[in-house]
């Protein structure tokens, strides 16, 4: 059984993700092997909210160079966009960032 902190790795803080906070849409970096049901349960348990919808996508790695050495790749990761229900409370962690 996975711990909820094994599933939710952290928030994604960017201009685009912060624009969705007003519509109760939050973006998290999650474990690559986690499915939508596990992500929904982890967010509901961690923040005490009601989740309406979960969208997931795998963000591919990018090519990076390190000085004169040949280029390598950054690791790919999974992103989850979590939409809360209309009657659910907001997540306080994101309140001061908007």
PDB file of N, CA and C in Angstrom:
ATOM      1  N   UNK A   1       0.846  -1.178   0.000  1.00  0.00           N
ATOM      2  CA  UNK A   1       0.000   0.000   0.000  1.00  0.00           C
ATOM      3  C   UNK A   1       0.890   1.239   0.000  1.00  0.00           C
ATOM      4  N   UNK A   2       0.585   2.164  -0.871  1.00  0.00           N
ATOM      5  CA  UNK A   2       1.371   3.381  -0.976  1.00  0.00           C
ATOM      6  C   UNK A   2       0.903   4.399   0.061  1.00  0.00           C
ATOM      7  N   UNK A   3       1.847   5.120   0.599  1.00  0.00           N
ATOM      8  CA  UNK A   3       1.567   6.229   1.494  1.00  0.00           C
ATOM      9  C   UNK A   3       1.140   7.423   0.642  1.00  0.00           C
ATOM     10  N   UNK A   4       0.317   8.311   1.156  1.00  0.00           N
ATOM     11  CA  UNK A   4      -0.131   9.450   0.357  1.00  0.00           C
ATOM     12  C   UNK A   4       1.009  10.381   0.004  1.00  0.00           C
ATOM     13  N   UNK A   5       2.069  10.406   0.803  1.00  0.00           N
ATOM     14  CA  UNK A   5       3.218  11.236   0.494  1.00  0.00           C
ATOM     15  C   UNK A   5       4.129  10.574  -0.531  1.00  0.00           C
ATOM     16  N   UNK A   6       3.961   9.270  -0.767  1.00  0.00           N
ATOM     17  CA  UNK A   6       4.657   8.619  -1.872  1.00  0.00           C
ATOM     18  C   UNK A   6       3.980   8.954  -3.192  1.00  0.00           C
ATOM     19  N   UNK A   7       2.695   9.213  -3.170  1.00  0.00           N
ATOM     20  CA  UNK A   7       1.939   9.514  -4.388  1.00  0.00           C
ATOM     21  C   UNK A   7       2.109  10.978  -4.765  1.00  0.00           C
ATOM     22  N   UNK A   8       1.880  11.905  -3.837  1.00  0.00           N
ATOM     23  CA  UNK A   8       2.006  13.342  -4.113  1.00  0.00           C
ATOM     24  C   UNK A   8       3.438  13.753  -3.821  1.00  0.00           C
ATOM     25  N   UNK A   9       4.177  14.121  -4.861  1.00  0.00           N
ATOM     26  CA  UNK A   9       5.571  14.517  -4.693  1.00  0.00           C
ATOM     27  C   UNK A   9       5.710  15.992  -4.331  1.00  0.00           C
ATOM     28  N   UNK A  10       4.809  16.838  -4.845  1.00  0.00           N
ATOM     29  CA  UNK A  10       4.884  18.257  -4.540  1.00  0.00           C
ATOM     30  C   UNK A  10       4.024  19.061  -5.488  1.00  0.00           C
ATOM     31  N   UNK A  11       3.825  20.339  -5.193  1.00  0.00           N
ATOM     32  CA  UNK A  11       3.029  21.187  -6.080  1.00  0.00           C
ATOM     33  C   UNK A  11       3.865  21.672  -7.261  1.00  0.00           C
ATOM     34  N   UNK A  12       3.184  22.007  -8.341  1.00  0.00           N
ATOM     35  CA  UNK A  12       3.838  22.630  -9.489  1.00  0.00           C
ATOM     36  C   UNK A  12       3.478  24.112  -9.430  1.00  0.00           C
ATOM     37  N   UNK A  13       4.489  24.947  -9.250  1.00  0.00           N
ATOM     38  CA  UNK A  13       4.276  26.379  -9.117  1.00  0.00           C
ATOM     39  C   UNK A  13       4.750  27.057 -10.404  1.00  0.00           C
ATOM     40  N   UNK A  14       3.812  27.518 -11.204  1.00  0.00           N
ATOM     41  CA  UNK A  14       4.115  28.253 -12.428  1.00  0.00           C
ATOM     42  C   UNK A  14       2.979  29.238 -12.679  1.00  0.00           C
ATOM     43  N   UNK A  15       3.164  30.127 -13.627  1.00  0.00           N
ATOM     44  CA  UNK A  15       2.111  31.093 -13.929  1.00  0.00           C
ATOM     45  C   UNK A  15       0.847  30.399 -14.399  1.00  0.00           C
ATOM     46  N   UNK A  16       1.016  29.411 -15.239  1.00  0.00           N
ATOM     47  CA  UNK A  16      -0.144  28.714 -15.795  1.00  0.00           C
ATOM     48  C   UNK A  16      -0.888  27.918 -14.720  1.00  0.00           C
ATOM     49  N   UNK A  17      -0.155  27.263 -13.840  1.00  0.00           N
ATOM     50  CA  UNK A  17      -0.827  26.484 -12.796  1.00  0.00           C
ATOM     51  C   UNK A  17      -1.500  27.388 -11.765  1.00  0.00           C
ATOM     52  N   UNK A  18      -0.922  28.548 -11.497  1.00  0.00           N
ATOM     53  CA  UNK A  18      -1.521  29.475 -10.535  1.00  0.00           C
ATOM     54  C   UNK A  18      -2.766  30.162 -11.106  1.00  0.00           C
ATOM     55  N   UNK A  19      -2.892  30.234 -12.422  1.00  0.00           N
ATOM     56  CA  UNK A  19      -4.085  30.823 -13.030  1.00  0.00           C
ATOM     57  C   UNK A  19      -5.314  29.954 -12.785  1.00  0.00           C
ATOM     58  N   UNK A  20      -5.123  28.651 -12.602  1.00  0.00           N
ATOM     59  CA  UNK A  20      -6.235  27.751 -12.368  1.00  0.00           C
ATOM     60  C   UNK A  20      -6.708  27.690 -10.933  1.00  0.00           C
ATOM     61  N   UNK A  21      -5.974  28.293 -10.003  1.00  0.00           N
ATOM     62  CA  UNK A  21      -6.336  28.231  -8.592  1.00  0.00           C
ATOM     63  C   UNK A  21      -7.675  28.928  -8.341  1.00  0.00           C
ATOM     64  N   UNK A  22      -7.971  29.971  -9.101  1.00  0.00           N
ATOM     65  CA  UNK A  22      -9.245  30.674  -8.922  1.00  0.00           C
ATOM     66  C   UNK A  22     -10.433  29.781  -9.261  1.00  0.00           C
ATOM     67  N   UNK A  23     -10.235  28.805 -10.155  1.00  0.00           N
ATOM     68  CA  UNK A  23     -11.290  27.867 -10.544  1.00  0.00           C
ATOM     69  C   UNK A  23     -11.198  26.553  -9.777  1.00  0.00           C
ATOM     70  N   UNK A  24     -10.443  26.551  -8.666  1.00  0.00           N
ATOM     71  CA  UNK A  24     -10.228  25.354  -7.837  1.00  0.00           C
ATOM     72  C   UNK A  24      -9.577  24.230  -8.642  1.00  0.00           C
ATOM     73  N   UNK A  25      -8.572  24.587  -9.438  1.00  0.00           N
ATOM     74  CA  UNK A  25      -7.814  23.618 -10.229  1.00  0.00           C
ATOM     75  C   UNK A  25      -6.360  23.712  -9.783  1.00  0.00           C
ATOM     76  N   UNK A  26      -5.826  22.601  -9.255  1.00  0.00           N
ATOM     77  CA  UNK A  26      -4.488  22.579  -8.687  1.00  0.00           C
ATOM     78  C   UNK A  26      -3.635  21.555  -9.422  1.00  0.00           C
ATOM     79  N   UNK A  27      -2.332  21.834  -9.518  1.00  0.00           N
ATOM     80  CA  UNK A  27      -1.411  20.980 -10.259  1.00  0.00           C
ATOM     81  C   UNK A  27      -0.372  20.421  -9.288  1.00  0.00           C
ATOM     82  N   UNK A  28      -0.168  19.105  -9.350  1.00  0.00           N
ATOM     83  CA  UNK A  28       0.790  18.420  -8.482  1.00  0.00           C
ATOM     84  C   UNK A  28       1.714  17.543  -9.301  1.00  0.00           C
ATOM     85  N   UNK A  29       2.939  17.387  -8.816  1.00  0.00           N
ATOM     86  CA  UNK A  29       3.863  16.399  -9.347  1.00  0.00           C
ATOM     87  C   UNK A  29       3.604  15.114  -8.572  1.00  0.00           C
ATOM     88  N   UNK A  30       3.329  14.013  -9.288  1.00  0.00           N
ATOM     89  CA  UNK A  30       2.936  12.775  -8.630  1.00  0.00           C
ATOM     90  C   UNK A  30       3.841  11.624  -9.077  1.00  0.00           C
ATOM     91  N   UNK A  31       3.702  10.503  -8.396  1.00  0.00           N
ATOM     92  CA  UNK A  31       4.450   9.297  -8.718  1.00  0.00           C
ATOM     93  C   UNK A  31       4.037   8.785 -10.092  1.00  0.00           C
ATOM     94  N   UNK A  32       5.003   8.318 -10.886  1.00  0.00           N
ATOM     95  CA  UNK A  32       4.700   7.877 -12.243  1.00  0.00           C
ATOM     96  C   UNK A  32       3.793   6.656 -12.285  1.00  0.00           C
ATOM     97  N   UNK A  33       3.817   5.839 -11.267  1.00  0.00           N
ATOM     98  CA  UNK A  33       3.009   4.616 -11.282  1.00  0.00           C
ATOM     99  C   UNK A  33       1.631   4.815 -10.644  1.00  0.00           C
ATOM    100  N   UNK A  34       1.334   6.010 -10.158  1.00  0.00           N
ATOM    101  CA  UNK A  34       0.044   6.266  -9.497  1.00  0.00           C
ATOM    102  C   UNK A  34      -1.047   6.456 -10.543  1.00  0.00           C
ATOM    103  N   UNK A  35      -2.221   5.891 -10.273  1.00  0.00           N
ATOM    104  CA  UNK A  35      -3.346   6.086 -11.184  1.00  0.00           C
ATOM    105  C   UNK A  35      -4.264   7.177 -10.637  1.00  0.00           C
ATOM    106  N   UNK A  36      -5.328   7.487 -11.385  1.00  0.00           N
ATOM    107  CA  UNK A  36      -6.195   8.602 -11.019  1.00  0.00           C
ATOM    108  C   UNK A  36      -6.934   8.364  -9.709  1.00  0.00           C
ATOM    109  N   UNK A  37      -7.322   7.138  -9.441  1.00  0.00           N
ATOM    110  CA  UNK A  37      -8.029   6.842  -8.196  1.00  0.00           C
ATOM    111  C   UNK A  37      -7.126   7.034  -6.984  1.00  0.00           C
ATOM    112  N   UNK A  38      -5.867   6.613  -7.099  1.00  0.00           N
ATOM    113  CA  UNK A  38      -4.922   6.792  -5.996  1.00  0.00           C
ATOM    114  C   UNK A  38      -4.617   8.277  -5.775  1.00  0.00           C
ATOM    115  N   UNK A  39      -4.505   9.035  -6.854  1.00  0.00           N
ATOM    116  CA  UNK A  39      -4.239  10.465  -6.740  1.00  0.00           C
ATOM    117  C   UNK A  39      -5.418  11.169  -6.077  1.00  0.00           C
ATOM    118  N   UNK A  40      -6.632  10.813  -6.480  1.00  0.00           N
ATOM    119  CA  UNK A  40      -7.842  11.399  -5.890  1.00  0.00           C
ATOM    120  C   UNK A  40      -7.893  11.129  -4.392  1.00  0.00           C
ATOM    121  N   UNK A  41      -7.656   9.879  -3.985  1.00  0.00           N
ATOM    122  CA  UNK A  41      -7.707   9.520  -2.567  1.00  0.00           C
ATOM    123  C   UNK A  41      -6.618  10.233  -1.770  1.00  0.00           C
ATOM    124  N   UNK A  42      -5.426  10.371  -2.342  1.00  0.00           N
ATOM    125  CA  UNK A  42      -4.324  11.019  -1.634  1.00  0.00           C
ATOM    126  C   UNK A  42      -4.594  12.506  -1.427  1.00  0.00           C
ATOM    127  N   UNK A  43      -5.129  13.192  -2.443  1.00  0.00           N
ATOM    128  CA  UNK A  43      -5.424  14.629  -2.309  1.00  0.00           C
ATOM    129  C   UNK A  43      -6.556  14.851  -1.311  1.00  0.00           C
ATOM    130  N   UNK A  44      -7.589  14.012  -1.363  1.00  0.00           N
ATOM    131  CA  UNK A  44      -8.700  14.157  -0.433  1.00  0.00           C
ATOM    132  C   UNK A  44      -8.252  13.935   1.008  1.00  0.00           C
ATOM    133  N   UNK A  45      -7.371  12.963   1.223  1.00  0.00           N
ATOM    134  CA  UNK A  45      -6.900  12.674   2.577  1.00  0.00           C
ATOM    135  C   UNK A  45      -5.916  13.735   3.073  1.00  0.00           C
ATOM    136  N   UNK A  46      -5.027  14.201   2.203  1.00  0.00           N
ATOM    137  CA  UNK A  46      -3.990  15.144   2.625  1.00  0.00           C
ATOM    138  C   UNK A  46      -4.555  16.533   2.917  1.00  0.00           C
ATOM    139  N   UNK A  47      -5.516  16.998   2.110  1.00  0.00           N
ATOM    140  CA  UNK A  47      -5.986  18.370   2.239  1.00  0.00           C
ATOM    141  C   UNK A  47      -7.420  18.489   2.739  1.00  0.00           C
ATOM    142  N   UNK A  48      -8.129  17.387   2.888  1.00  0.00           N
ATOM    143  CA  UNK A  48      -9.495  17.430   3.400  1.00  0.00           C
ATOM    144  C   UNK A  48     -10.465  18.111   2.456  1.00  0.00           C
ATOM    145  N   UNK A  49     -10.378  17.827   1.160  1.00  0.00           N
ATOM    146  CA  UNK A  49     -11.229  18.440   0.142  1.00  0.00           C
ATOM    147  C   UNK A  49     -11.960  17.348  -0.626  1.00  0.00           C
ATOM    148  N   UNK A  50     -12.901  17.756  -1.485  1.00  0.00           N
ATOM    149  CA  UNK A  50     -13.611  16.820  -2.353  1.00  0.00           C
ATOM    150  C   UNK A  50     -13.154  17.039  -3.783  1.00  0.00           C
ATOM    151  N   UNK A  51     -12.675  15.984  -4.418  1.00  0.00           N
ATOM    152  CA  UNK A  51     -12.143  16.070  -5.774  1.00  0.00           C
ATOM    153  C   UNK A  51     -13.232  15.712  -6.771  1.00  0.00           C
ATOM    154  N   UNK A  52     -13.389  16.554  -7.804  1.00  0.00           N
ATOM    155  CA  UNK A  52     -14.373  16.293  -8.845  1.00  0.00           C
ATOM    156  C   UNK A  52     -13.744  15.539 -10.010  1.00  0.00           C
ATOM    157  N   UNK A  53     -12.510  15.921 -10.394  1.00  0.00           N
ATOM    158  CA  UNK A  53     -11.901  15.350 -11.588  1.00  0.00           C
ATOM    159  C   UNK A  53     -10.390  15.365 -11.454  1.00  0.00           C
ATOM    160  N   UNK A  54      -9.738  14.348 -12.035  1.00  0.00           N
ATOM    161  CA  UNK A  54      -8.280  14.263 -12.056  1.00  0.00           C
ATOM    162  C   UNK A  54      -7.837  14.003 -13.491  1.00  0.00           C
ATOM    163  N   UNK A  55      -6.970  14.864 -14.009  1.00  0.00           N
ATOM    164  CA  UNK A  55      -6.351  14.650 -15.317  1.00  0.00           C
ATOM    165  C   UNK A  55      -4.869  14.424 -15.084  1.00  0.00           C
ATOM    166  N   UNK A  56      -4.285  13.456 -15.798  1.00  0.00           N
ATOM    167  CA  UNK A  56      -2.866  13.167 -15.644  1.00  0.00           C
ATOM    168  C   UNK A  56      -2.175  13.225 -16.992  1.00  0.00           C
ATOM    169  N   UNK A  57      -0.889  13.520 -16.943  1.00  0.00           N
ATOM    170  CA  UNK A  57      -0.068  13.490 -18.144  1.00  0.00           C
ATOM    171  C   UNK A  57       1.369  13.242 -17.738  1.00  0.00           C
ATOM    172  N   UNK A  58       2.123  12.641 -18.640  1.00  0.00           N
ATOM    173  CA  UNK A  58       3.538  12.413 -18.415  1.00  0.00           C
ATOM    174  C   UNK A  58       4.303  13.488 -19.170  1.00  0.00           C
ATOM    175  N   UNK A  59       5.101  14.249 -18.438  1.00  0.00           N
ATOM    176  CA  UNK A  59       5.896  15.318 -19.028  1.00  0.00           C
ATOM    177  C   UNK A  59       7.216  14.709 -19.480  1.00  0.00           C
ATOM    178  N   UNK A  60       7.520  14.766 -20.782  1.00  0.00           N
ATOM    179  CA  UNK A  60       8.751  14.130 -21.266  1.00  0.00           C
ATOM    180  C   UNK A  60       9.994  14.886 -20.814  1.00  0.00           C
ATOM    181  N   UNK A  61      11.105  14.160 -20.750  1.00  0.00           N
ATOM    182  CA  UNK A  61      12.376  14.778 -20.390  1.00  0.00           C
ATOM    183  C   UNK A  61      12.887  15.665 -21.509  1.00  0.00           C
ATOM    184  N   UNK A  62      13.724  16.630 -21.152  1.00  0.00           N
ATOM    185  CA  UNK A  62      14.277  17.563 -22.129  1.00  0.00           C
ATOM    186  C   UNK A  62      15.769  17.311 -22.296  1.00  0.00           C
ATOM    187  N   UNK A  63      16.298  17.679 -23.459  1.00  0.00           N
ATOM    188  CA  UNK A  63      17.727  17.564 -23.697  1.00  0.00           C
ATOM    189  C   UNK A  63      18.443  18.697 -22.968  1.00  0.00           C
ATOM    190  N   UNK A  64      19.505  18.360 -22.266  1.00  0.00           N
ATOM    191  CA  UNK A  64      20.305  19.334 -21.542  1.00  0.00           C
ATOM    192  C   UNK A  64      21.780  19.040 -21.792  1.00  0.00           C
ATOM    193  N   UNK A  65      22.557  20.109 -21.838  1.00  0.00           N
ATOM    194  CA  UNK A  65      24.004  19.961 -21.952  1.00  0.00           C
ATOM    195  C   UNK A  65      24.638  20.405 -20.656  1.00  0.00           C
ATOM    196  N   UNK A  66      25.771  19.814 -20.359  1.00  0.00           N
ATOM    197  CA  UNK A  66      26.502  20.168 -19.155  1.00  0.00           C
ATOM    198  C   UNK A  66      27.909  20.580 -19.575  1.00  0.00           C
ATOM    199  N   UNK A  67      28.065  21.846 -19.952  1.00  0.00           N
ATOM    200  CA  UNK A  67      29.360  22.324 -20.418  1.00  0.00           C
ATOM    201  C   UNK A  67      29.659  21.782 -21.799  1.00  0.00           C
ATOM    202  N   UNK A  68      30.853  21.282 -21.997  1.00  0.00           N
ATOM    203  CA  UNK A  68      31.243  20.781 -23.308  1.00  0.00           C
ATOM    204  C   UNK A  68      30.896  19.312 -23.509  1.00  0.00           C
ATOM    205  N   UNK A  69      30.388  18.688 -22.475  1.00  0.00           N
ATOM    206  CA  UNK A  69      30.094  17.267 -22.562  1.00  0.00           C
ATOM    207  C   UNK A  69      28.876  17.028 -23.438  1.00  0.00           C
ATOM    208  N   UNK A  70      28.702  15.814 -23.920  1.00  0.00           N
ATOM    209  CA  UNK A  70      27.532  15.547 -24.771  1.00  0.00           C
ATOM    210  C   UNK A  70      26.235  15.742 -23.996  1.00  0.00           C
ATOM    211  N   UNK A  71      25.215  16.007 -24.754  1.00  0.00           N
ATOM    212  CA  UNK A  71      23.936  16.300 -24.105  1.00  0.00           C
ATOM    213  C   UNK A  71      23.336  15.042 -23.501  1.00  0.00           C
ATOM    214  N   UNK A  72      22.569  15.263 -22.465  1.00  0.00           N
ATOM    215  CA  UNK A  72      21.864  14.187 -21.792  1.00  0.00           C
ATOM    216  C   UNK A  72      20.390  14.530 -21.735  1.00  0.00           C
ATOM    217  N   UNK A  73      19.639  13.760 -21.004  1.00  0.00           N
ATOM    218  CA  UNK A  73      18.209  13.984 -20.881  1.00  0.00           C
ATOM    219  C   UNK A  73      17.849  14.144 -19.407  1.00  0.00           C
ATOM    220  N   UNK A  74      16.928  15.065 -19.135  1.00  0.00           N
ATOM    221  CA  UNK A  74      16.359  15.130 -17.801  1.00  0.00           C
ATOM    222  C   UNK A  74      15.313  14.024 -17.691  1.00  0.00           C
ATOM    223  N   UNK A  75      14.969  13.647 -16.502  1.00  0.00           N
ATOM    224  CA  UNK A  75      14.031  12.548 -16.328  1.00  0.00           C
ATOM    225  C   UNK A  75      12.606  13.008 -16.595  1.00  0.00           C
ATOM    226  N   UNK A  76      11.779  12.103 -17.108  1.00  0.00           N
ATOM    227  CA  UNK A  76      10.373  12.438 -17.307  1.00  0.00           C
ATOM    228  C   UNK A  76       9.632  12.262 -15.994  1.00  0.00           C
ATOM    229  N   UNK A  77       8.500  12.955 -15.856  1.00  0.00           N
ATOM    230  CA  UNK A  77       7.734  12.924 -14.621  1.00  0.00           C
ATOM    231  C   UNK A  77       6.260  13.030 -14.941  1.00  0.00           C
ATOM    232  N   UNK A  78       5.432  12.715 -13.958  1.00  0.00           N
ATOM    233  CA  UNK A  78       3.985  12.703 -14.143  1.00  0.00           C
ATOM    234  C   UNK A  78       3.363  13.888 -13.421  1.00  0.00           C
ATOM    235  N   UNK A  79       2.426  14.546 -14.111  1.00  0.00           N
ATOM    236  CA  UNK A  79       1.748  15.714 -13.577  1.00  0.00           C
ATOM    237  C   UNK A  79       0.267  15.402 -13.472  1.00  0.00           C
ATOM    238  N   UNK A  80      -0.353  15.825 -12.380  1.00  0.00           N
ATOM    239  CA  UNK A  80      -1.783  15.629 -12.173  1.00  0.00           C
ATOM    240  C   UNK A  80      -2.456  16.974 -11.974  1.00  0.00           C
ATOM    241  N   UNK A  81      -3.522  17.221 -12.750  1.00  0.00           N
ATOM    242  CA  UNK A  81      -4.327  18.423 -12.600  1.00  0.00           C
ATOM    243  C   UNK A  81      -5.601  18.003 -11.874  1.00  0.00           C
ATOM    244  N   UNK A  82      -5.775  18.504 -10.664  1.00  0.00           N
ATOM    245  CA  UNK A  82      -6.879  18.101  -9.797  1.00  0.00           C
ATOM    246  C   UNK A  82      -7.895  19.236  -9.734  1.00  0.00           C
ATOM    247  N   UNK A  83      -9.143  18.940 -10.096  1.00  0.00           N
ATOM    248  CA  UNK A  83     -10.223  19.911 -10.027  1.00  0.00           C
ATOM    249  C   UNK A  83     -11.125  19.548  -8.849  1.00  0.00           C
ATOM    250  N   UNK A  84     -11.406  20.533  -7.995  1.00  0.00           N
ATOM    251  CA  UNK A  84     -12.246  20.301  -6.827  1.00  0.00           C
ATOM    252  C   UNK A  84     -13.702  20.596  -7.153  1.00  0.00           C
ATOM    253  N   UNK A  85     -14.602  20.069  -6.329  1.00  0.00           N
ATOM    254  CA  UNK A  85     -16.026  20.336  -6.515  1.00  0.00           C
ATOM    255  C   UNK A  85     -16.333  21.781  -6.125  1.00  0.00           C
ATOM    256  N   UNK A  86     -17.490  22.266  -6.546  1.00  0.00           N
ATOM    257  CA  UNK A  86     -17.872  23.658  -6.281  1.00  0.00           C
ATOM    258  C   UNK A  86     -18.081  23.922  -4.791  1.00  0.00           C
ATOM    259  N   UNK A  87     -18.597  22.928  -4.061  1.00  0.00           N
ATOM    260  CA  UNK A  87     -18.857  23.137  -2.640  1.00  0.00           C
ATOM    261  C   UNK A  87     -17.664  22.801  -1.750  1.00  0.00           C
ATOM    262  N   UNK A  88     -16.566  22.331  -2.327  1.00  0.00           N
ATOM    263  CA  UNK A  88     -15.377  21.984  -1.563  1.00  0.00           C
ATOM    264  C   UNK A  88     -14.618  23.245  -1.155  1.00  0.00           C
ATOM    265  N   UNK A  89     -13.908  23.150  -0.045  1.00  0.00           N
ATOM    266  CA  UNK A  89     -13.072  24.275   0.382  1.00  0.00           C
ATOM    267  C   UNK A  89     -11.799  24.301  -0.468  1.00  0.00           C
ATOM    268  N   UNK A  90     -11.090  25.426  -0.435  1.00  0.00           N
ATOM    269  CA  UNK A  90      -9.866  25.543  -1.207  1.00  0.00           C
ATOM    270  C   UNK A  90      -8.703  24.954  -0.429  1.00  0.00           C
ATOM    271  N   UNK A  91      -7.574  24.752  -1.104  1.00  0.00           N
ATOM    272  CA  UNK A  91      -6.371  24.255  -0.464  1.00  0.00           C
ATOM    273  C   UNK A  91      -5.579  25.467   0.018  1.00  0.00           C
ATOM    274  N   UNK A  92      -5.335  25.554   1.327  1.00  0.00           N
ATOM    275  CA  UNK A  92      -4.724  26.732   1.934  1.00  0.00           C
ATOM    276  C   UNK A  92      -3.293  26.955   1.498  1.00  0.00           C
ATOM    277  N   UNK A  93      -2.597  25.892   1.085  1.00  0.00           N
ATOM    278  CA  UNK A  93      -1.203  26.001   0.671  1.00  0.00           C
ATOM    279  C   UNK A  93      -1.035  26.971  -0.498  1.00  0.00           C
ATOM    280  N   UNK A  94      -2.017  27.012  -1.392  1.00  0.00           N
ATOM    281  CA  UNK A  94      -1.922  27.835  -2.584  1.00  0.00           C
ATOM    282  C   UNK A  94      -2.498  29.240  -2.381  1.00  0.00           C
ATOM    283  N   UNK A  95      -3.071  29.558  -1.232  1.00  0.00           N
ATOM    284  CA  UNK A  95      -3.757  30.823  -1.021  1.00  0.00           C
ATOM    285  C   UNK A  95      -2.836  32.027  -1.161  1.00  0.00           C
ATOM    286  N   UNK A  96      -1.669  32.030  -0.567  1.00  0.00           N
ATOM    287  CA  UNK A  96      -0.799  33.189  -0.586  1.00  0.00           C
ATOM    288  C   UNK A  96       0.001  33.359  -1.863  1.00  0.00           C
ATOM    289  N   UNK A  97      -0.081  32.405  -2.773  1.00  0.00           N
ATOM    290  CA  UNK A  97       0.729  32.453  -3.984  1.00  0.00           C
ATOM    291  C   UNK A  97       0.033  33.118  -5.157  1.00  0.00           C
ATOM    292  N   UNK A  98      -1.252  33.333  -5.057  1.00  0.00           N
ATOM    293  CA  UNK A  98      -1.998  33.897  -6.192  1.00  0.00           C
ATOM    294  C   UNK A  98      -1.872  35.388  -6.230  1.00  0.00           C
TER     295      UNK A  98
END
